[in-house]
PDB file of N, CA and C in Angstrom:
ATOM      1  N   MET A   1      40.515 -86.558 -77.632  1.00  0.00           N
ATOM      2  CA  MET A   1      40.036 -87.877 -77.253  1.00  0.00           C
ATOM      3  C   MET A   1      41.202 -88.684 -77.101  1.00  0.00           C
ATOM      4  N   LYS A   2      41.167 -89.635 -75.942  1.00  0.00           N
ATOM      5  CA  LYS A   2      42.069 -90.419 -75.586  1.00  0.00           C
ATOM      6  C   LYS A   2      41.947 -91.804 -76.133  1.00  0.00           C
ATOM      7  N   THR A   3      42.894 -92.410 -76.520  1.00  0.00           N
ATOM      8  CA  THR A   3      42.817 -93.886 -76.867  1.00  0.00           C
ATOM      9  C   THR A   3      43.381 -94.734 -75.859  1.00  0.00           C
ATOM     10  N   LEU A   4      42.886 -95.866 -75.799  1.00  0.00           N
ATOM     11  CA  LEU A   4      43.299 -97.020 -74.830  1.00  0.00           C
ATOM     12  C   LEU A   4      43.644 -98.196 -75.619  1.00  0.00           C
ATOM     13  N   THR A   5      44.509 -99.059 -75.094  1.00  0.00           N
ATOM     14  CA  THR A   5      44.982-100.105 -75.789  1.00  0.00           C
ATOM     15  C   THR A   5      44.678-101.367 -74.820  1.00  0.00           C
ATOM     16  N   VAL A   6      44.165-102.411 -75.464  1.00  0.00           N
ATOM     17  CA  VAL A   6      43.950-103.726 -74.647  1.00  0.00           C
ATOM     18  C   VAL A   6      45.137-104.442 -74.827  1.00  0.00           C
ATOM     19  N   ASP A   7      45.774-105.019 -73.497  1.00  0.00           N
ATOM     20  CA  ASP A   7      46.894-105.827 -73.633  1.00  0.00           C
ATOM     21  C   ASP A   7      46.661-107.238 -74.015  1.00  0.00           C
ATOM     22  N   ASP A   8      47.737-108.144 -73.713  1.00  0.00           N
ATOM     23  CA  ASP A   8      47.669-109.610 -74.246  1.00  0.00           C
ATOM     24  C   ASP A   8      46.541-110.222 -73.169  1.00  0.00           C
ATOM     25  N   TYR A   9      46.350-109.756 -72.075  1.00  0.00           N
ATOM     26  CA  TYR A   9      45.410-110.399 -70.988  1.00  0.00           C
ATOM     27  C   TYR A   9      44.050-109.880 -71.063  1.00  0.00           C
ATOM     28  N   GLN A  10      43.578-108.955 -72.191  1.00  0.00           N
ATOM     29  CA  GLN A  10      42.434-108.394 -72.281  1.00  0.00           C
ATOM     30  C   GLN A  10      42.103-107.428 -71.153  1.00  0.00           C
ATOM     31  N   ARG A  11      43.155-106.546 -70.876  1.00  0.00           N
ATOM     32  CA  ARG A  11      42.987-105.532 -69.816  1.00  0.00           C
ATOM     33  C   ARG A  11      43.047-104.131 -70.459  1.00  0.00           C
ATOM     34  N   VAL A  12      42.434-103.378 -69.977  1.00  0.00           N
ATOM     35  CA  VAL A  12      42.519-101.910 -70.324  1.00  0.00           C
ATOM     36  C   VAL A  12      42.746-101.103 -69.111  1.00  0.00           C
ATOM     37  N   ARG A  13      43.795-100.175 -69.282  1.00  0.00           N
ATOM     38  CA  ARG A  13      44.064 -99.356 -68.172  1.00  0.00           C
ATOM     39  C   ARG A  13      43.419 -97.881 -68.250  1.00  0.00           C
ATOM     40  N   LEU A  14      42.520 -97.676 -67.306  1.00  0.00           N
ATOM     41  CA  LEU A  14      41.793 -96.320 -67.236  1.00  0.00           C
ATOM     42  C   LEU A  14      42.591 -95.410 -66.433  1.00  0.00           C
ATOM     43  N   PRO A  15      43.051 -94.182 -66.772  1.00  0.00           N
ATOM     44  CA  PRO A  15      43.867 -93.319 -66.099  1.00  0.00           C
ATOM     45  C   PRO A  15      43.192 -92.673 -64.867  1.00  0.00           C
ATOM     46  N   GLY A  16      41.935 -92.511 -64.810  1.00  0.00           N
ATOM     47  CA  GLY A  16      41.237 -92.027 -63.821  1.00  0.00           C
ATOM     48  C   GLY A  16      40.600 -92.914 -62.774  1.00  0.00           C
ATOM     49  N   ALA A  17      40.821 -94.220 -63.024  1.00  0.00           N
ATOM     50  CA  ALA A  17      40.097 -95.211 -62.096  1.00  0.00           C
ATOM     51  C   ALA A  17      41.013 -95.603 -61.115  1.00  0.00           C
ATOM     52  N   LYS A  18      40.559 -95.739 -59.885  1.00  0.00           N
ATOM     53  CA  LYS A  18      41.187 -96.212 -58.741  1.00  0.00           C
ATOM     54  C   LYS A  18      41.265 -97.769 -58.633  1.00  0.00           C
ATOM     55  N   PRO A  19      42.071 -98.250 -57.920  1.00  0.00           N
ATOM     56  CA  PRO A  19      42.324 -99.913 -57.820  1.00  0.00           C
ATOM     57  C   PRO A  19      40.819-100.323 -57.213  1.00  0.00           C
ATOM     58  N   ARG A  20      40.605-101.370 -57.558  1.00  0.00           N
ATOM     59  CA  ARG A  20      39.204-102.160 -57.092  1.00  0.00           C
ATOM     60  C   ARG A  20      37.880-101.391 -57.504  1.00  0.00           C
ATOM     61  N   THR A  21      38.034-100.503 -58.494  1.00  0.00           N
ATOM     62  CA  THR A  21      36.858 -99.845 -58.809  1.00  0.00           C
ATOM     63  C   THR A  21      36.101-100.894 -59.764  1.00  0.00           C
ATOM     64  N   LYS A  22      34.790-100.997 -59.509  1.00  0.00           N
ATOM     65  CA  LYS A  22      34.090-101.802 -60.405  1.00  0.00           C
ATOM     66  C   LYS A  22      33.216-101.121 -61.569  1.00  0.00           C
ATOM     67  N   PHE A  23      33.182-101.796 -62.558  1.00  0.00           N
ATOM     68  CA  PHE A  23      32.465-101.032 -63.821  1.00  0.00           C
ATOM     69  C   PHE A  23      31.501-102.113 -64.512  1.00  0.00           C
ATOM     70  N   ALA A  24      30.291-101.588 -64.860  1.00  0.00           N
ATOM     71  CA  ALA A  24      29.433-102.306 -65.661  1.00  0.00           C
ATOM     72  C   ALA A  24      29.797-102.227 -67.020  1.00  0.00           C
ATOM     73  N   TYR A  25      29.864-103.293 -67.852  1.00  0.00           N
ATOM     74  CA  TYR A  25      30.186-103.140 -69.231  1.00  0.00           C
ATOM     75  C   TYR A  25      28.931-103.331 -70.113  1.00  0.00           C
ATOM     76  N   GLU A  26      28.942-102.609 -71.039  1.00  0.00           N
ATOM     77  CA  GLU A  26      27.683-102.587 -72.029  1.00  0.00           C
ATOM     78  C   GLU A  26      28.198-102.537 -73.562  1.00  0.00           C
ATOM     79  N   ASP A  27      27.957-103.437 -74.342  1.00  0.00           N
ATOM     80  CA  ASP A  27      28.352-103.399 -75.704  1.00  0.00           C
ATOM     81  C   ASP A  27      27.036-103.120 -76.566  1.00  0.00           C
ATOM     82  N   ARG A  28      27.107-101.921 -77.116  1.00  0.00           N
ATOM     83  CA  ARG A  28      25.949-101.381 -77.777  1.00  0.00           C
ATOM     84  C   ARG A  28      25.747-102.038 -79.287  1.00  0.00           C
ATOM     85  N   GLY A  29      26.624-102.946 -79.715  1.00  0.00           N
ATOM     86  CA  GLY A  29      26.433-103.594 -80.904  1.00  0.00           C
ATOM     87  C   GLY A  29      26.859-102.816 -82.147  1.00  0.00           C
ATOM     88  N   ASP A  30      27.006-101.411 -81.954  1.00  0.00           N
ATOM     89  CA  ASP A  30      27.422-100.600 -83.274  1.00  0.00           C
ATOM     90  C   ASP A  30      28.822-100.210 -83.085  1.00  0.00           C
ATOM     91  N   GLY A  31      29.704-100.991 -82.470  1.00  0.00           N
ATOM     92  CA  GLY A  31      31.033-100.747 -82.252  1.00  0.00           C
ATOM     93  C   GLY A  31      31.311 -99.836 -81.120  1.00  0.00           C
ATOM     94  N   THR A  32      30.438 -99.481 -80.296  1.00  0.00           N
ATOM     95  CA  THR A  32      30.654 -98.690 -78.995  1.00  0.00           C
ATOM     96  C   THR A  32      30.545 -99.600 -77.789  1.00  0.00           C
ATOM     97  N   HIS A  33      31.373 -99.287 -76.934  1.00  0.00           N
ATOM     98  CA  HIS A  33      31.224 -99.972 -75.485  1.00  0.00           C
ATOM     99  C   HIS A  33      31.038 -98.886 -74.496  1.00  0.00           C
ATOM    100  N   VAL A  34      30.261 -99.167 -73.420  1.00  0.00           N
ATOM    101  CA  VAL A  34      30.008 -98.189 -72.486  1.00  0.00           C
ATOM    102  C   VAL A  34      30.429 -98.877 -71.088  1.00  0.00           C
ATOM    103  N   LEU A  35      31.215 -98.197 -70.350  1.00  0.00           N
ATOM    104  CA  LEU A  35      31.643 -98.592 -68.868  1.00  0.00           C
ATOM    105  C   LEU A  35      30.932 -97.638 -68.089  1.00  0.00           C
ATOM    106  N   THR A  36      30.181 -98.159 -66.968  1.00  0.00           N
ATOM    107  CA  THR A  36      29.545 -97.399 -65.935  1.00  0.00           C
ATOM    108  C   THR A  36      29.989 -97.791 -64.579  1.00  0.00           C
ATOM    109  N   GLU A  37      30.535 -96.941 -63.729  1.00  0.00           N
ATOM    110  CA  GLU A  37      31.049 -97.233 -62.571  1.00  0.00           C
ATOM    111  C   GLU A  37      29.809 -97.701 -61.696  1.00  0.00           C
ATOM    112  N   VAL A  38      30.015 -98.822 -60.933  1.00  0.00           N
ATOM    113  CA  VAL A  38      29.039 -99.354 -60.012  1.00  0.00           C
ATOM    114  C   VAL A  38      29.448 -99.109 -58.648  1.00  0.00           C
ATOM    115  N   LYS A  39      28.647 -98.591 -57.852  1.00  0.00           N
ATOM    116  CA  LYS A  39      28.961 -98.246 -56.388  1.00  0.00           C
ATOM    117  C   LYS A  39      28.016 -99.118 -55.775  1.00  0.00           C
ATOM    118  N   ALA A  40      28.708 -99.994 -54.919  1.00  0.00           N
ATOM    119  CA  ALA A  40      28.027-101.068 -54.064  1.00  0.00           C
ATOM    120  C   ALA A  40      27.598-100.386 -52.659  1.00  0.00           C
ATOM    121  N   GLU A  41      26.451-100.469 -52.191  1.00  0.00           N
ATOM    122  CA  GLU A  41      26.200 -99.949 -50.844  1.00  0.00           C
ATOM    123  C   GLU A  41      26.713-100.880 -49.825  1.00  0.00           C
ATOM    124  N   ALA A  42      27.387-100.096 -48.854  1.00  0.00           N
ATOM    125  CA  ALA A  42      27.822-100.835 -47.754  1.00  0.00           C
ATOM    126  C   ALA A  42      26.815-101.152 -46.817  1.00  0.00           C
ATOM    127  N   LYS A  43      26.648-102.506 -46.237  1.00  0.00           N
ATOM    128  CA  LYS A  43      25.613-102.718 -45.258  1.00  0.00           C
ATOM    129  C   LYS A  43      26.361-103.547 -44.045  1.00  0.00           C
ATOM    130  N   GLU A  44      25.824-103.396 -43.035  1.00  0.00           N
ATOM    131  CA  GLU A  44      26.416-104.095 -41.849  1.00  0.00           C
ATOM    132  C   GLU A  44      26.288-105.566 -42.126  1.00  0.00           C
ATOM    133  N   ALA A  45      27.305-106.272 -41.650  1.00  0.00           N
ATOM    134  CA  ALA A  45      27.344-107.724 -41.715  1.00  0.00           C
ATOM    135  C   ALA A  45      26.028-108.277 -40.939  1.00  0.00           C
ATOM    136  N   PHE A  46      25.927-107.870 -39.806  1.00  0.00           N
ATOM    137  CA  PHE A  46      24.882-108.309 -38.905  1.00  0.00           C
ATOM    138  C   PHE A  46      24.070-107.158 -38.253  1.00  0.00           C
ATOM    139  N   PRO A  47      23.010-106.736 -38.881  1.00  0.00           N
ATOM    140  CA  PRO A  47      22.180-105.600 -38.395  1.00  0.00           C
ATOM    141  C   PRO A  47      21.919-105.820 -36.878  1.00  0.00           C
ATOM    142  N   ARG A  48      21.821-104.743 -36.212  1.00  0.00           N
ATOM    143  CA  ARG A  48      21.497-104.793 -34.675  1.00  0.00           C
ATOM    144  C   ARG A  48      20.264-105.615 -34.467  1.00  0.00           C
ATOM    145  N   GLY A  49      20.388-106.553 -33.514  1.00  0.00           N
ATOM    146  CA  GLY A  49      19.340-107.483 -33.168  1.00  0.00           C
ATOM    147  C   GLY A  49      19.206-108.692 -34.055  1.00  0.00           C
ATOM    148  N   SER A  50      19.948-108.880 -35.019  1.00  0.00           N
ATOM    149  CA  SER A  50      19.770-109.982 -35.901  1.00  0.00           C
ATOM    150  C   SER A  50      20.302-111.298 -35.385  1.00  0.00           C
ATOM    151  N   LEU A  51      21.258-111.117 -34.587  1.00  0.00           N
ATOM    152  CA  LEU A  51      21.975-112.397 -33.979  1.00  0.00           C
ATOM    153  C   LEU A  51      21.020-112.902 -32.770  1.00  0.00           C
ATOM    154  N   SER A  52      20.383-112.102 -32.094  1.00  0.00           N
ATOM    155  CA  SER A  52      19.394-112.457 -31.032  1.00  0.00           C
ATOM    156  C   SER A  52      18.329-113.522 -31.544  1.00  0.00           C
ATOM    157  N   LYS A  53      18.124-113.353 -32.928  1.00  0.00           N
ATOM    158  CA  LYS A  53      17.078-114.205 -33.302  1.00  0.00           C
ATOM    159  C   LYS A  53      17.722-115.685 -33.704  1.00  0.00           C
ATOM    160  N   LEU A  54      19.049-115.752 -33.857  1.00  0.00           N
ATOM    161  CA  LEU A  54      19.683-116.961 -34.197  1.00  0.00           C
ATOM    162  C   LEU A  54      20.052-117.675 -32.834  1.00  0.00           C
ATOM    163  N   ILE A  55      20.533-116.917 -32.000  1.00  0.00           N
ATOM    164  CA  ILE A  55      21.080-117.666 -30.729  1.00  0.00           C
ATOM    165  C   ILE A  55      19.830-117.706 -29.784  1.00  0.00           C
ATOM    166  N   THR A  56      19.446-119.000 -29.710  1.00  0.00           N
ATOM    167  CA  THR A  56      18.143-119.204 -28.731  1.00  0.00           C
ATOM    168  C   THR A  56      18.713-120.249 -27.639  1.00  0.00           C
ATOM    169  N   PRO A  57      17.935-120.505 -26.741  1.00  0.00           N
ATOM    170  CA  PRO A  57      18.374-121.612 -25.753  1.00  0.00           C
ATOM    171  C   PRO A  57      18.417-123.044 -26.363  1.00  0.00           C
ATOM    172  N   LYS A  58      17.614-123.292 -27.303  1.00  0.00           N
ATOM    173  CA  LYS A  58      17.841-124.581 -28.026  1.00  0.00           C
ATOM    174  C   LYS A  58      19.073-124.553 -28.802  1.00  0.00           C
ATOM    175  N   TRP A  59      19.569-123.581 -29.480  1.00  0.00           N
ATOM    176  CA  TRP A  59      20.760-123.457 -30.216  1.00  0.00           C
ATOM    177  C   TRP A  59      21.938-123.591 -29.103  1.00  0.00           C
ATOM    178  N   ASN A  60      21.832-123.017 -28.067  1.00  0.00           N
ATOM    179  CA  ASN A  60      22.846-122.988 -27.101  1.00  0.00           C
ATOM    180  C   ASN A  60      23.092-124.493 -26.449  1.00  0.00           C
ATOM    181  N   LYS A  61      21.921-125.190 -26.305  1.00  0.00           N
ATOM    182  CA  LYS A  61      21.920-126.667 -25.696  1.00  0.00           C
ATOM    183  C   LYS A  61      22.656-127.413 -26.744  1.00  0.00           C
ATOM    184  N   GLU A  62      22.425-127.218 -28.076  1.00  0.00           N
ATOM    185  CA  GLU A  62      23.044-127.975 -29.114  1.00  0.00           C
ATOM    186  C   GLU A  62      24.503-127.822 -29.230  1.00  0.00           C
ATOM    187  N   GLN A  63      25.074-126.540 -29.219  1.00  0.00           N
ATOM    188  CA  GLN A  63      26.273-126.103 -29.176  1.00  0.00           C
ATOM    189  C   GLN A  63      27.245-126.763 -28.039  1.00  0.00           C
ATOM    190  N   LEU A  64      26.444-126.718 -26.829  1.00  0.00           N
ATOM    191  CA  LEU A  64      27.128-127.426 -25.730  1.00  0.00           C
ATOM    192  C   LEU A  64      27.245-128.744 -25.777  1.00  0.00           C
ATOM    193  N   ALA A  65      26.331-129.519 -26.476  1.00  0.00           N
ATOM    194  CA  ALA A  65      26.458-131.001 -26.589  1.00  0.00           C
ATOM    195  C   ALA A  65      27.426-131.314 -27.598  1.00  0.00           C
ATOM    196  N   ILE A  66      27.626-130.482 -28.622  1.00  0.00           N
ATOM    197  CA  ILE A  66      28.755-130.640 -29.608  1.00  0.00           C
ATOM    198  C   ILE A  66      30.025-130.442 -28.852  1.00  0.00           C
ATOM    199  N   LEU A  67      30.168-129.431 -27.974  1.00  0.00           N
ATOM    200  CA  LEU A  67      31.253-129.127 -27.246  1.00  0.00           C
ATOM    201  C   LEU A  67      31.758-130.305 -26.471  1.00  0.00           C
ATOM    202  N   ASP A  68      30.823-130.706 -25.771  1.00  0.00           N
ATOM    203  CA  ASP A  68      31.019-131.873 -24.828  1.00  0.00           C
ATOM    204  C   ASP A  68      31.725-133.007 -25.593  1.00  0.00           C
ATOM    205  N   GLY A  69      31.338-133.237 -26.744  1.00  0.00           N
ATOM    206  CA  GLY A  69      31.882-134.451 -27.500  1.00  0.00           C
ATOM    207  C   GLY A  69      33.238-134.113 -27.974  1.00  0.00           C
ATOM    208  N   CYS A  70      33.730-132.782 -28.028  1.00  0.00           N
ATOM    209  CA  CYS A  70      34.889-132.555 -28.688  1.00  0.00           C
ATOM    210  C   CYS A  70      35.944-132.174 -27.704  1.00  0.00           C
ATOM    211  N   VAL A  71      35.580-131.755 -26.485  1.00  0.00           N
ATOM    212  CA  VAL A  71      36.694-131.319 -25.468  1.00  0.00           C
ATOM    213  C   VAL A  71      37.208-132.528 -24.672  1.00  0.00           C
ATOM    214  N   GLN A  72      38.524-132.680 -24.497  1.00  0.00           N
ATOM    215  CA  GLN A  72      39.006-133.742 -23.865  1.00  0.00           C
ATOM    216  C   GLN A  72      39.536-133.002 -22.498  1.00  0.00           C
ATOM    217  N   GLY A  73      39.427-133.744 -21.443  1.00  0.00           N
ATOM    218  CA  GLY A  73      39.929-133.309 -20.106  1.00  0.00           C
ATOM    219  C   GLY A  73      41.501-133.648 -19.962  1.00  0.00           C
ATOM    220  N   PRO A  74      42.213-133.039 -19.017  1.00  0.00           N
ATOM    221  CA  PRO A  74      43.711-133.261 -18.827  1.00  0.00           C
ATOM    222  C   PRO A  74      43.871-134.749 -18.561  1.00  0.00           C
ATOM    223  N   GLU A  75      44.943-135.248 -19.035  1.00  0.00           N
ATOM    224  CA  GLU A  75      45.261-136.670 -18.957  1.00  0.00           C
ATOM    225  C   GLU A  75      46.031-136.942 -17.710  1.00  0.00           C
TER     226      GLU A  75
END
């Protein structure tokens, strides 16, 4: 059995863990603590076709009106 020590900043160094690995923490109440690795599912930021629902002719007209108010011509 290996022992681990908590430092002054309440950190524990796990020898087999890679940087940025996330763990779920469970305090069982009987003096035991359980760490379970959490693996997040990677999803696309914008699924295929999702932006076409947002970009509409009305939205384009609004953006062009905002742009006309911001853009200055040459002096």
